[in-house]
Structures are given as structure tokens and as C-alpha cells.
């Protein structure tokens, strides 16, 4: 048994967290390899186009994320900000969640939880609001390909 936030948990929770961590690390490593093998100049040749943008001509909340990550992988640290500011703003939450998964799976310790009341609803409202605003405000649109 391990103590997590004052509660004893079973070994299965730690093992499940380790499997998730291995899968996440493998996905991250594979993504880094693909982004390094296929630079932004080859975007049209390799990366798929956004189906939402192809059908409607408007930008979805994720448009520009792959280009931004590709630019970041090649040294342009603000590339993600210029292509998808929401992804850049949400990245600290992803980093915190990843580090929490690591500490939980390796050491059996869970970091303090950040309590946001009704977080799924808040997240949906933020994403939908961003989706609408980015199509009316040219500064939030991704850089042209």
C-alpha cells in the first residue's frame, strides 16, 4: 500500500499509472521522431490536413498545433504560440499532469490536485469560446502554410 494525499492505495493503481506513463512516453518519443524526420517544409507531403478546415474554411481549436510543435522542435520556441495560443497556454497543465503521473507511477506519490470546480464544463467553454473567437480575430488564426 502507498499513501497518496493521505489515502492508502493499492499497488494496482501504481502499476496502471506506470503503464500509462510508458504509453505516453512512447507516444511522445514517436511524435518527436516524426516531427524531426518530416520538417515543416514537407507539411503538405506528409501531415494530414484538418478536415474541419477543409470542409468549412474556418479554423478548429486544434488548427496549427502540429505546425507549432514542429517549429518548436526545430528551435522556434514561440512557433506554437503563433500557430495555436490555446495549446501553448494549456501546456503547463499537461506538463503538471505528466509529472504527476510520473511521481505516482515511480514513487507512489501523487502531487497536490488543482481543484477547479466543474473543470470539464470550464474546459469545454474555454475551447468553444476560443474556437469562435479565433475565427473572428486574425491574431489567433494559425500562420498560413
N, C-alpha and C. Protein backbone atom coordinates (compact mmCIF):
# COMPACT_ATOMS: atom_id res chain seq x y z
N UNK A 1 0.83 -1.19 0.00
CA UNK A 1 0.00 0.00 0.00
C UNK A 1 0.87 1.25 0.00
N UNK A 2 0.42 2.25 -0.72
CA UNK A 2 1.11 3.53 -0.79
C UNK A 2 0.18 4.63 -0.31
N UNK A 3 0.75 5.66 0.26
CA UNK A 3 -0.05 6.79 0.70
C UNK A 3 -0.06 7.85 -0.39
N UNK A 4 -1.24 8.22 -0.79
CA UNK A 4 -1.39 9.29 -1.77
C UNK A 4 -2.42 10.26 -1.21
N UNK A 5 -1.97 11.47 -0.94
CA UNK A 5 -2.79 12.50 -0.33
C UNK A 5 -3.48 11.97 0.92
N UNK A 6 -2.73 11.22 1.71
CA UNK A 6 -3.26 10.71 2.96
C UNK A 6 -4.11 9.47 2.83
N UNK A 7 -4.26 8.94 1.63
CA UNK A 7 -5.07 7.75 1.42
C UNK A 7 -4.19 6.61 0.94
N UNK A 8 -4.40 5.44 1.51
CA UNK A 8 -3.66 4.27 1.05
C UNK A 8 -4.28 3.77 -0.25
N UNK A 9 -3.42 3.46 -1.23
CA UNK A 9 -3.93 2.94 -2.49
C UNK A 9 -3.27 1.58 -2.76
N UNK A 10 -3.89 0.84 -3.60
CA UNK A 10 -3.38 -0.48 -3.95
C UNK A 10 -2.22 -0.38 -4.92
N UNK A 11 -1.44 -1.42 -4.97
CA UNK A 11 -0.30 -1.50 -5.90
C UNK A 11 -0.79 -1.44 -7.35
N UNK A 12 -2.04 -1.89 -7.61
CA UNK A 12 -2.56 -1.88 -8.97
C UNK A 12 -2.65 -0.46 -9.53
N UNK A 13 -2.94 0.52 -8.68
CA UNK A 13 -3.02 1.91 -9.14
C UNK A 13 -1.66 2.37 -9.62
N UNK A 14 -0.62 2.02 -8.87
CA UNK A 14 0.73 2.40 -9.27
C UNK A 14 1.13 1.68 -10.55
N UNK A 15 0.77 0.42 -10.69
CA UNK A 15 1.10 -0.32 -11.91
C UNK A 15 0.35 0.23 -13.12
N UNK A 16 -0.92 0.59 -12.93
CA UNK A 16 -1.69 1.18 -14.03
C UNK A 16 -1.08 2.51 -14.45
N UNK A 17 -0.67 3.31 -13.48
CA UNK A 17 -0.04 4.59 -13.79
C UNK A 17 1.26 4.39 -14.54
N UNK A 18 2.00 3.34 -14.20
CA UNK A 18 3.25 3.06 -14.90
C UNK A 18 3.00 2.68 -16.36
N UNK A 19 1.95 1.88 -16.60
CA UNK A 19 1.61 1.52 -17.98
C UNK A 19 1.19 2.75 -18.79
N UNK A 20 0.42 3.63 -18.17
CA UNK A 20 0.02 4.87 -18.85
C UNK A 20 1.24 5.72 -19.13
N UNK A 21 2.15 5.79 -18.17
CA UNK A 21 3.38 6.58 -18.34
C UNK A 21 4.23 6.04 -19.48
N UNK A 22 4.37 4.73 -19.57
CA UNK A 22 5.15 4.12 -20.64
C UNK A 22 4.50 4.41 -22.00
N UNK A 23 3.18 4.28 -22.07
CA UNK A 23 2.47 4.56 -23.33
C UNK A 23 2.61 6.03 -23.71
N UNK A 24 2.50 6.92 -22.73
CA UNK A 24 2.62 8.35 -23.01
C UNK A 24 4.04 8.71 -23.44
N UNK A 25 5.03 8.15 -22.77
CA UNK A 25 6.42 8.42 -23.15
C UNK A 25 6.72 7.88 -24.54
N UNK A 26 6.21 6.70 -24.84
CA UNK A 26 6.40 6.13 -26.18
C UNK A 26 5.75 6.99 -27.25
N UNK A 27 4.55 7.49 -26.98
CA UNK A 27 3.86 8.37 -27.94
C UNK A 27 4.62 9.67 -28.12
N UNK A 28 5.13 10.21 -27.02
CA UNK A 28 5.91 11.45 -27.09
C UNK A 28 7.19 11.25 -27.89
N UNK A 29 7.88 10.15 -27.64
CA UNK A 29 9.13 9.86 -28.37
C UNK A 29 8.85 9.66 -29.86
N UNK A 30 7.79 8.91 -30.18
CA UNK A 30 7.43 8.70 -31.58
C UNK A 30 7.06 10.02 -32.26
N UNK A 31 6.32 10.86 -31.56
CA UNK A 31 5.95 12.17 -32.11
C UNK A 31 7.18 13.02 -32.37
N UNK A 32 8.13 13.00 -31.43
CA UNK A 32 9.36 13.79 -31.61
C UNK A 32 10.15 13.29 -32.81
N UNK A 33 10.20 11.99 -32.98
CA UNK A 33 10.93 11.42 -34.13
C UNK A 33 10.26 11.84 -35.44
N UNK A 34 8.92 11.73 -35.51
CA UNK A 34 8.20 12.10 -36.73
C UNK A 34 8.37 13.59 -37.02
N UNK A 35 8.25 14.44 -35.98
CA UNK A 35 8.38 15.87 -36.19
C UNK A 35 9.79 16.25 -36.63
N UNK A 36 10.79 15.49 -36.22
CA UNK A 36 12.16 15.77 -36.64
C UNK A 36 12.46 15.20 -38.03
N UNK A 37 11.87 14.08 -38.38
CA UNK A 37 12.11 13.48 -39.69
C UNK A 37 11.40 14.23 -40.82
N UNK A 38 10.25 14.81 -40.49
CA UNK A 38 9.45 15.49 -41.52
C UNK A 38 9.31 16.96 -41.15
N UNK A 39 10.22 17.81 -41.62
CA UNK A 39 10.19 19.22 -41.26
C UNK A 39 8.97 19.94 -41.85
N UNK A 40 8.78 21.14 -41.37
CA UNK A 40 7.61 21.93 -41.75
C UNK A 40 7.50 22.15 -43.25
N UNK A 41 8.63 22.22 -43.95
CA UNK A 41 8.60 22.44 -45.40
C UNK A 41 7.87 21.31 -46.11
N UNK A 42 7.89 20.11 -45.53
CA UNK A 42 7.23 18.95 -46.12
C UNK A 42 5.81 18.77 -45.58
N UNK A 43 5.25 19.81 -44.99
CA UNK A 43 3.94 19.72 -44.34
C UNK A 43 2.88 19.15 -45.27
N UNK A 44 2.81 19.66 -46.48
CA UNK A 44 1.78 19.20 -47.41
C UNK A 44 2.01 17.76 -47.86
N UNK A 45 3.25 17.33 -47.87
CA UNK A 45 3.55 15.99 -48.36
C UNK A 45 3.27 14.90 -47.34
N UNK A 46 3.34 15.24 -46.03
CA UNK A 46 3.23 14.19 -45.03
C UNK A 46 2.06 14.37 -44.07
N UNK A 47 1.94 15.54 -43.47
CA UNK A 47 0.94 15.75 -42.42
C UNK A 47 -0.46 15.89 -43.02
N UNK A 48 -1.45 15.29 -42.34
CA UNK A 48 -2.81 15.40 -42.86
C UNK A 48 -3.35 16.82 -42.67
N UNK A 49 -4.26 17.20 -43.53
CA UNK A 49 -4.92 18.50 -43.41
C UNK A 49 -6.08 18.38 -42.44
N UNK A 50 -6.45 19.48 -41.81
CA UNK A 50 -7.56 19.50 -40.87
C UNK A 50 -8.87 19.28 -41.64
N UNK A 51 -9.63 18.24 -41.31
CA UNK A 51 -10.88 18.01 -42.03
C UNK A 51 -11.89 19.14 -41.81
N UNK A 52 -11.91 19.71 -40.61
CA UNK A 52 -12.84 20.81 -40.32
C UNK A 52 -12.53 22.01 -41.22
N UNK A 53 -11.25 22.36 -41.32
CA UNK A 53 -10.85 23.50 -42.15
C UNK A 53 -11.10 23.21 -43.62
N UNK A 54 -10.90 21.97 -44.04
CA UNK A 54 -11.14 21.61 -45.44
C UNK A 54 -12.62 21.74 -45.81
N UNK A 55 -13.50 21.39 -44.88
CA UNK A 55 -14.94 21.42 -45.16
C UNK A 55 -15.52 22.82 -45.00
N UNK A 56 -15.16 23.51 -43.90
CA UNK A 56 -15.83 24.78 -43.58
C UNK A 56 -15.01 26.02 -43.93
N UNK A 57 -13.69 25.87 -44.05
CA UNK A 57 -12.85 27.03 -44.30
C UNK A 57 -12.54 27.83 -43.04
N UNK A 58 -13.04 27.38 -41.89
CA UNK A 58 -12.74 28.04 -40.62
C UNK A 58 -11.74 27.19 -39.83
N UNK A 59 -11.14 27.80 -38.82
CA UNK A 59 -10.13 27.10 -38.03
C UNK A 59 -10.76 26.43 -36.81
N UNK A 60 -10.40 25.16 -36.59
CA UNK A 60 -10.86 24.46 -35.40
C UNK A 60 -9.93 24.82 -34.24
N UNK A 61 -10.23 24.42 -33.00
CA UNK A 61 -9.36 24.76 -31.87
C UNK A 61 -7.97 24.16 -31.99
N UNK A 62 -7.81 23.10 -32.76
CA UNK A 62 -6.51 22.45 -32.88
C UNK A 62 -5.69 22.87 -34.08
N UNK A 63 -6.28 23.66 -34.97
CA UNK A 63 -5.57 24.06 -36.18
C UNK A 63 -4.27 24.78 -35.82
N UNK A 64 -3.20 24.35 -36.44
CA UNK A 64 -1.89 24.97 -36.22
C UNK A 64 -1.05 24.30 -35.15
N UNK A 65 -1.61 23.35 -34.41
CA UNK A 65 -0.86 22.74 -33.33
C UNK A 65 0.32 21.93 -33.85
N UNK A 66 0.12 21.13 -34.88
CA UNK A 66 1.21 20.32 -35.42
C UNK A 66 2.31 21.22 -35.98
N UNK A 67 1.91 22.26 -36.72
CA UNK A 67 2.92 23.20 -37.24
C UNK A 67 3.68 23.88 -36.11
N UNK A 68 2.95 24.28 -35.06
CA UNK A 68 3.60 24.93 -33.93
C UNK A 68 4.57 24.01 -33.21
N UNK A 69 4.16 22.77 -32.99
CA UNK A 69 5.06 21.80 -32.34
C UNK A 69 6.26 21.51 -33.22
N UNK A 70 6.04 21.44 -34.52
CA UNK A 70 7.14 21.21 -35.45
C UNK A 70 8.14 22.36 -35.37
N UNK A 71 7.65 23.58 -35.35
CA UNK A 71 8.54 24.74 -35.22
C UNK A 71 9.30 24.71 -33.90
N UNK A 72 8.61 24.32 -32.82
CA UNK A 72 9.28 24.24 -31.52
C UNK A 72 10.39 23.19 -31.54
N UNK A 73 10.13 22.07 -32.19
CA UNK A 73 11.13 21.00 -32.26
C UNK A 73 12.36 21.44 -33.05
N UNK A 74 12.19 22.41 -33.93
CA UNK A 74 13.29 22.88 -34.75
C UNK A 74 13.85 24.22 -34.27
N UNK A 75 13.59 24.57 -33.00
CA UNK A 75 14.24 25.71 -32.38
C UNK A 75 13.43 26.99 -32.29
N UNK A 76 12.28 27.07 -32.94
CA UNK A 76 11.45 28.27 -32.86
C UNK A 76 10.50 28.10 -31.67
N UNK A 77 10.92 28.58 -30.50
CA UNK A 77 10.18 28.31 -29.27
C UNK A 77 8.82 29.00 -29.22
N UNK A 78 8.62 30.05 -29.98
CA UNK A 78 7.33 30.72 -30.00
C UNK A 78 6.46 30.28 -31.17
N UNK A 79 6.90 29.26 -31.89
CA UNK A 79 6.14 28.76 -33.03
C UNK A 79 4.76 28.26 -32.64
N UNK A 80 4.67 27.59 -31.50
CA UNK A 80 3.37 27.10 -31.05
C UNK A 80 2.47 28.27 -30.69
N UNK A 81 3.02 29.31 -30.06
CA UNK A 81 2.22 30.48 -29.69
C UNK A 81 1.63 31.16 -30.93
N UNK A 82 2.43 31.27 -31.99
CA UNK A 82 1.96 31.93 -33.20
C UNK A 82 0.92 31.09 -33.96
N UNK A 83 0.96 29.78 -33.79
CA UNK A 83 0.05 28.92 -34.53
C UNK A 83 -1.16 28.48 -33.73
N UNK A 84 -1.03 28.33 -32.41
CA UNK A 84 -2.16 27.94 -31.58
C UNK A 84 -1.91 28.40 -30.14
N UNK A 85 -2.29 29.63 -29.81
CA UNK A 85 -2.04 30.16 -28.46
C UNK A 85 -2.70 29.32 -27.36
N UNK A 86 -3.87 28.75 -27.63
CA UNK A 86 -4.53 27.96 -26.59
C UNK A 86 -3.70 26.73 -26.23
N UNK A 87 -3.13 26.07 -27.21
CA UNK A 87 -2.28 24.91 -26.94
C UNK A 87 -1.09 25.31 -26.08
N UNK A 88 -0.52 26.48 -26.36
CA UNK A 88 0.61 26.97 -25.56
C UNK A 88 0.17 27.27 -24.13
N UNK A 89 -1.02 27.85 -23.97
CA UNK A 89 -1.50 28.19 -22.63
C UNK A 89 -1.88 26.95 -21.82
N UNK A 90 -2.34 25.91 -22.50
CA UNK A 90 -2.73 24.68 -21.79
C UNK A 90 -1.54 23.75 -21.54
N UNK A 91 -0.40 24.01 -22.15
CA UNK A 91 0.75 23.11 -22.00
C UNK A 91 1.26 23.00 -20.56
N UNK A 92 1.24 24.06 -19.72
CA UNK A 92 1.67 23.85 -18.33
C UNK A 92 0.80 22.84 -17.58
N UNK A 93 -0.49 22.81 -17.90
CA UNK A 93 -1.37 21.84 -17.26
C UNK A 93 -0.99 20.42 -17.69
N UNK A 94 -0.66 20.26 -18.96
CA UNK A 94 -0.23 18.96 -19.47
C UNK A 94 1.09 18.53 -18.83
N UNK A 95 2.01 19.46 -18.67
CA UNK A 95 3.29 19.16 -18.02
C UNK A 95 3.06 18.75 -16.56
N UNK A 96 2.22 19.47 -15.85
CA UNK A 96 1.93 19.15 -14.45
C UNK A 96 1.28 17.77 -14.34
N UNK A 97 0.32 17.48 -15.22
CA UNK A 97 -0.33 16.17 -15.21
C UNK A 97 0.65 15.06 -15.53
N UNK A 98 1.57 15.31 -16.45
CA UNK A 98 2.58 14.30 -16.80
C UNK A 98 3.53 14.05 -15.65
N UNK A 99 3.96 15.13 -14.98
CA UNK A 99 4.86 14.96 -13.84
C UNK A 99 4.14 14.25 -12.70
N UNK A 100 2.85 14.53 -12.52
CA UNK A 100 2.06 13.83 -11.51
C UNK A 100 1.97 12.34 -11.82
N UNK A 101 1.78 12.01 -13.08
CA UNK A 101 1.73 10.60 -13.49
C UNK A 101 3.07 9.92 -13.22
N UNK A 102 4.15 10.64 -13.49
CA UNK A 102 5.49 10.10 -13.24
C UNK A 102 5.70 9.84 -11.75
N UNK A 103 5.39 10.81 -10.91
CA UNK A 103 5.62 10.62 -9.47
C UNK A 103 4.71 9.54 -8.90
N UNK A 104 3.49 9.45 -9.43
CA UNK A 104 2.56 8.42 -8.96
C UNK A 104 3.03 7.03 -9.34
N UNK A 105 3.53 6.87 -10.57
CA UNK A 105 3.91 5.54 -11.03
C UNK A 105 5.27 5.10 -10.51
N UNK A 106 6.20 6.03 -10.35
CA UNK A 106 7.55 5.66 -9.93
C UNK A 106 7.69 5.64 -8.41
N UNK A 107 7.20 6.69 -7.74
CA UNK A 107 7.41 6.80 -6.30
C UNK A 107 6.16 6.51 -5.48
N UNK A 108 5.01 6.35 -6.14
CA UNK A 108 3.78 6.10 -5.38
C UNK A 108 3.29 7.34 -4.65
N UNK A 109 3.60 8.51 -5.18
CA UNK A 109 3.21 9.76 -4.55
C UNK A 109 2.47 10.63 -5.56
N UNK A 110 1.31 11.11 -5.19
CA UNK A 110 0.52 11.97 -6.07
C UNK A 110 0.71 13.42 -5.65
N UNK A 111 0.98 14.28 -6.63
CA UNK A 111 1.12 15.71 -6.37
C UNK A 111 -0.22 16.29 -5.92
N UNK A 112 -0.18 17.42 -5.25
CA UNK A 112 -1.45 18.04 -4.85
C UNK A 112 -2.32 18.34 -6.07
N UNK A 113 -3.58 18.06 -5.93
CA UNK A 113 -4.51 18.29 -7.04
C UNK A 113 -4.89 19.76 -7.10
N UNK A 114 -5.03 20.23 -8.32
CA UNK A 114 -5.52 21.59 -8.53
C UNK A 114 -7.02 21.48 -8.66
N UNK A 115 -7.72 22.09 -7.73
CA UNK A 115 -9.18 21.97 -7.73
C UNK A 115 -9.81 23.10 -8.54
N UNK A 116 -10.44 22.72 -9.63
CA UNK A 116 -11.20 23.66 -10.45
C UNK A 116 -12.62 23.12 -10.49
N UNK A 117 -13.57 23.83 -9.85
CA UNK A 117 -14.95 23.33 -9.83
C UNK A 117 -15.47 23.16 -11.26
N UNK A 118 -16.08 22.02 -11.50
CA UNK A 118 -16.69 21.71 -12.80
C UNK A 118 -15.70 21.89 -13.94
N UNK A 119 -14.48 21.37 -13.79
CA UNK A 119 -13.43 21.59 -14.78
C UNK A 119 -13.79 21.10 -16.18
N UNK A 120 -14.53 20.00 -16.35
CA UNK A 120 -14.86 19.63 -17.73
C UNK A 120 -15.71 20.70 -18.42
N UNK A 121 -16.67 21.27 -17.69
CA UNK A 121 -17.51 22.31 -18.25
C UNK A 121 -16.67 23.56 -18.55
N UNK A 122 -15.78 23.93 -17.65
CA UNK A 122 -14.90 25.08 -17.86
C UNK A 122 -14.04 24.86 -19.09
N UNK A 123 -13.48 23.66 -19.23
CA UNK A 123 -12.63 23.36 -20.38
C UNK A 123 -13.41 23.43 -21.70
N UNK A 124 -14.61 22.90 -21.71
CA UNK A 124 -15.44 22.95 -22.92
C UNK A 124 -15.77 24.40 -23.27
N UNK A 125 -16.12 25.21 -22.27
CA UNK A 125 -16.45 26.62 -22.52
C UNK A 125 -15.23 27.36 -23.06
N UNK A 126 -14.05 27.11 -22.49
CA UNK A 126 -12.83 27.77 -22.96
C UNK A 126 -12.53 27.37 -24.41
N UNK A 127 -12.61 26.07 -24.72
CA UNK A 127 -12.29 25.60 -26.07
C UNK A 127 -13.29 26.13 -27.09
N UNK A 128 -14.58 26.08 -26.79
CA UNK A 128 -15.59 26.56 -27.74
C UNK A 128 -15.46 28.08 -27.92
N UNK A 129 -15.22 28.80 -26.84
CA UNK A 129 -15.04 30.25 -26.94
C UNK A 129 -13.83 30.58 -27.81
N UNK A 130 -12.74 29.87 -27.58
CA UNK A 130 -11.53 30.07 -28.39
C UNK A 130 -11.81 29.76 -29.85
N UNK A 131 -12.56 28.69 -30.09
CA UNK A 131 -12.91 28.27 -31.45
C UNK A 131 -13.65 29.39 -32.18
N UNK A 132 -14.61 30.00 -31.51
CA UNK A 132 -15.38 31.07 -32.13
C UNK A 132 -14.52 32.32 -32.32
N UNK A 133 -13.81 32.74 -31.27
CA UNK A 133 -13.04 33.98 -31.31
C UNK A 133 -11.90 33.89 -32.33
N UNK A 134 -11.25 32.76 -32.45
CA UNK A 134 -10.10 32.67 -33.36
C UNK A 134 -10.51 32.81 -34.82
N UNK A 135 -11.78 32.59 -35.12
CA UNK A 135 -12.24 32.77 -36.50
C UNK A 135 -12.67 34.20 -36.80
N UNK A 136 -12.81 35.03 -35.78
CA UNK A 136 -13.14 36.44 -35.97
C UNK A 136 -11.95 37.36 -35.72
N UNK A 137 -10.94 36.84 -35.00
CA UNK A 137 -9.75 37.64 -34.67
C UNK A 137 -8.56 37.03 -35.42
N UNK A 138 -8.06 37.74 -36.39
CA UNK A 138 -6.97 37.23 -37.22
C UNK A 138 -5.71 36.92 -36.44
N UNK A 139 -5.51 37.56 -35.28
CA UNK A 139 -4.29 37.32 -34.50
C UNK A 139 -4.26 35.92 -33.91
N UNK A 140 -5.42 35.28 -33.73
CA UNK A 140 -5.46 33.93 -33.17
C UNK A 140 -5.43 32.83 -34.23
N UNK A 141 -5.54 33.22 -35.48
CA UNK A 141 -5.50 32.23 -36.56
C UNK A 141 -4.08 31.73 -36.75
N UNK A 142 -3.91 30.47 -37.15
CA UNK A 142 -2.55 29.96 -37.37
C UNK A 142 -1.88 30.65 -38.56
N UNK A 143 -0.56 30.59 -38.56
CA UNK A 143 0.19 31.16 -39.68
C UNK A 143 -0.19 30.41 -40.96
N UNK A 144 -0.23 31.13 -42.09
CA UNK A 144 -0.53 30.44 -43.35
C UNK A 144 0.54 29.41 -43.68
N UNK A 145 0.11 28.33 -44.31
CA UNK A 145 1.03 27.25 -44.67
C UNK A 145 1.82 27.65 -45.89
